[in-house]
């Protein structure tokens, strides 16, 4: 998986976001489907390459002051270590940007936050 991700990032650096990147994202998606039980990440990869196909570039911008290439490379970096709890949390935020939805926090998280603030 990490080899796929590094190859995509190299393509972005050398050629920009193009049809080759789309093909590489499709291959990475197939790898995720075949090797991991992570349907959410499979969906995110599909949304990423569909966005590029539709818009001609990557338009999901979750890093401030960065272009589509930097945001796509950041997404790929998060995926390369998706088991990391901090990366998982960031990937949830990225997914919401891709879906155009607001992240809803669970009540337990909110109650914990409220308790910490009053302590």
Protein backbone atom coordinates (compact mmCIF):
# COMPACT_ATOMS: atom_id res chain seq x y z
CA UNK A 1 0.00 0.00 0.00
CA UNK A 2 2.71 2.47 0.96
CA UNK A 3 4.44 1.84 -2.37
CA UNK A 4 1.20 2.72 -4.20
CA UNK A 5 0.88 5.91 -2.17
CA UNK A 6 4.48 6.97 -2.75
CA UNK A 7 4.08 6.35 -6.50
CA UNK A 8 0.98 8.56 -6.59
CA UNK A 9 2.76 11.35 -4.70
CA UNK A 10 5.72 11.16 -7.11
CA UNK A 11 3.35 11.44 -10.07
CA UNK A 12 1.72 14.48 -8.50
CA UNK A 13 5.12 16.10 -7.93
CA UNK A 14 6.38 15.39 -11.46
CA UNK A 15 3.24 15.69 -13.59
CA UNK A 16 0.59 17.31 -11.42
CA UNK A 17 -2.89 15.93 -10.98
CA UNK A 18 -3.76 14.11 -14.20
CA UNK A 19 -5.33 10.94 -15.60
CA UNK A 20 -2.35 8.90 -14.43
CA UNK A 21 -3.11 9.96 -10.84
CA UNK A 22 -6.73 8.90 -11.37
CA UNK A 23 -5.57 5.48 -12.57
CA UNK A 24 -3.22 5.14 -9.61
CA UNK A 25 -6.00 6.09 -7.17
CA UNK A 26 -8.22 3.45 -8.79
CA UNK A 27 -5.47 0.86 -8.29
CA UNK A 28 -5.03 1.93 -4.66
CA UNK A 29 -8.78 1.64 -4.14
CA UNK A 30 -8.71 -1.89 -5.54
CA UNK A 31 -5.83 -2.74 -3.19
CA UNK A 32 -7.85 -1.43 -0.21
CA UNK A 33 -10.89 -3.46 -1.35
CA UNK A 34 -8.86 -6.66 -1.73
CA UNK A 35 -6.68 -6.41 1.36
CA UNK A 36 -8.43 -4.41 4.06
CA UNK A 37 -11.85 -4.34 5.62
CA UNK A 38 -12.12 -0.55 5.42
CA UNK A 39 -15.08 0.34 3.18
CA UNK A 40 -15.01 3.98 4.28
CA UNK A 41 -11.50 4.45 2.90
CA UNK A 42 -12.45 2.63 -0.30
CA UNK A 43 -15.30 5.12 -0.72
CA UNK A 44 -13.04 8.09 -0.01
CA UNK A 45 -10.60 6.97 -2.69
CA UNK A 46 -13.48 6.68 -5.16
CA UNK A 47 -14.69 10.16 -4.23
CA UNK A 48 -11.14 11.48 -4.72
CA UNK A 49 -10.68 10.16 -8.23
CA UNK A 50 -14.24 10.99 -9.26
CA UNK A 51 -13.62 14.56 -8.09
CA UNK A 52 -10.49 14.76 -10.27
CA UNK A 53 -12.34 13.26 -13.25
CA UNK A 54 -15.19 15.73 -12.87
CA UNK A 55 -13.26 18.91 -12.02
CA UNK A 56 -9.91 18.27 -13.69
CA UNK A 57 -8.14 18.66 -10.35
CA UNK A 58 -8.59 17.77 -6.70
CA UNK A 59 -10.97 20.28 -5.14
CA UNK A 60 -11.48 18.87 -1.63
CA UNK A 61 -9.59 21.47 0.34
CA UNK A 62 -9.23 20.79 4.05
CA UNK A 63 -5.78 22.31 4.55
CA UNK A 64 -5.93 26.08 4.70
CA UNK A 65 -3.77 28.00 2.25
CA UNK A 66 -2.88 24.86 0.27
CA UNK A 67 -3.74 23.81 -3.27
CA UNK A 68 -5.42 20.62 -4.43
CA UNK A 69 -2.13 18.76 -4.89
CA UNK A 70 -1.04 19.43 -1.31
CA UNK A 71 -4.46 18.41 0.01
CA UNK A 72 -4.44 15.18 -2.02
CA UNK A 73 -0.93 14.32 -0.83
CA UNK A 74 -2.01 15.00 2.77
CA UNK A 75 -5.00 12.67 2.33
CA UNK A 76 -2.66 9.99 0.99
CA UNK A 77 -0.28 10.49 3.93
CA UNK A 78 -3.17 9.96 6.33
CA UNK A 79 -4.18 6.79 4.49
CA UNK A 80 -0.65 5.42 4.60
CA UNK A 81 -0.94 5.17 8.40
CA UNK A 82 -4.70 4.87 8.78
CA UNK A 83 -4.38 2.80 11.99
CA UNK A 84 -2.96 5.80 13.85
CA UNK A 85 -5.75 7.21 16.04
CA UNK A 86 -4.93 10.80 15.10
CA UNK A 87 -4.96 9.96 11.40
CA UNK A 88 -8.31 8.18 11.82
CA UNK A 89 -9.75 11.33 13.36
CA UNK A 90 -8.36 13.49 10.54
CA UNK A 91 -9.71 11.04 7.95
CA UNK A 92 -13.18 11.45 9.46
CA UNK A 93 -12.87 15.20 8.93
CA UNK A 94 -11.62 14.67 5.37
CA UNK A 95 -14.54 12.36 4.64
CA UNK A 96 -16.99 15.04 5.76
CA UNK A 97 -15.34 17.58 3.45
CA UNK A 98 -15.61 15.09 0.58
CA UNK A 99 -19.26 14.39 1.34
CA UNK A 100 -20.12 18.04 2.00
CA UNK A 101 -21.45 17.20 5.45
CA UNK A 102 -20.87 18.50 8.95
CA UNK A 103 -19.20 16.24 11.46
CA UNK A 104 -21.49 15.31 14.30
CA UNK A 105 -19.82 14.42 17.53
CA UNK A 106 -21.26 11.69 19.70
CA UNK A 107 -22.98 12.70 22.94
CA UNK A 108 -20.38 10.85 24.99
CA UNK A 109 -17.62 12.98 23.47
CA UNK A 110 -19.60 16.16 24.15
CA UNK A 111 -20.31 15.12 27.75
CA UNK A 112 -16.63 14.38 28.28
CA UNK A 113 -15.71 17.77 26.85
CA UNK A 114 -18.27 19.51 29.08
CA UNK A 115 -16.97 17.69 32.16
CA UNK A 116 -13.39 18.66 31.32
CA UNK A 117 -14.34 22.31 30.87
CA UNK A 118 -16.09 22.52 34.25
CA UNK A 119 -13.27 20.74 36.09
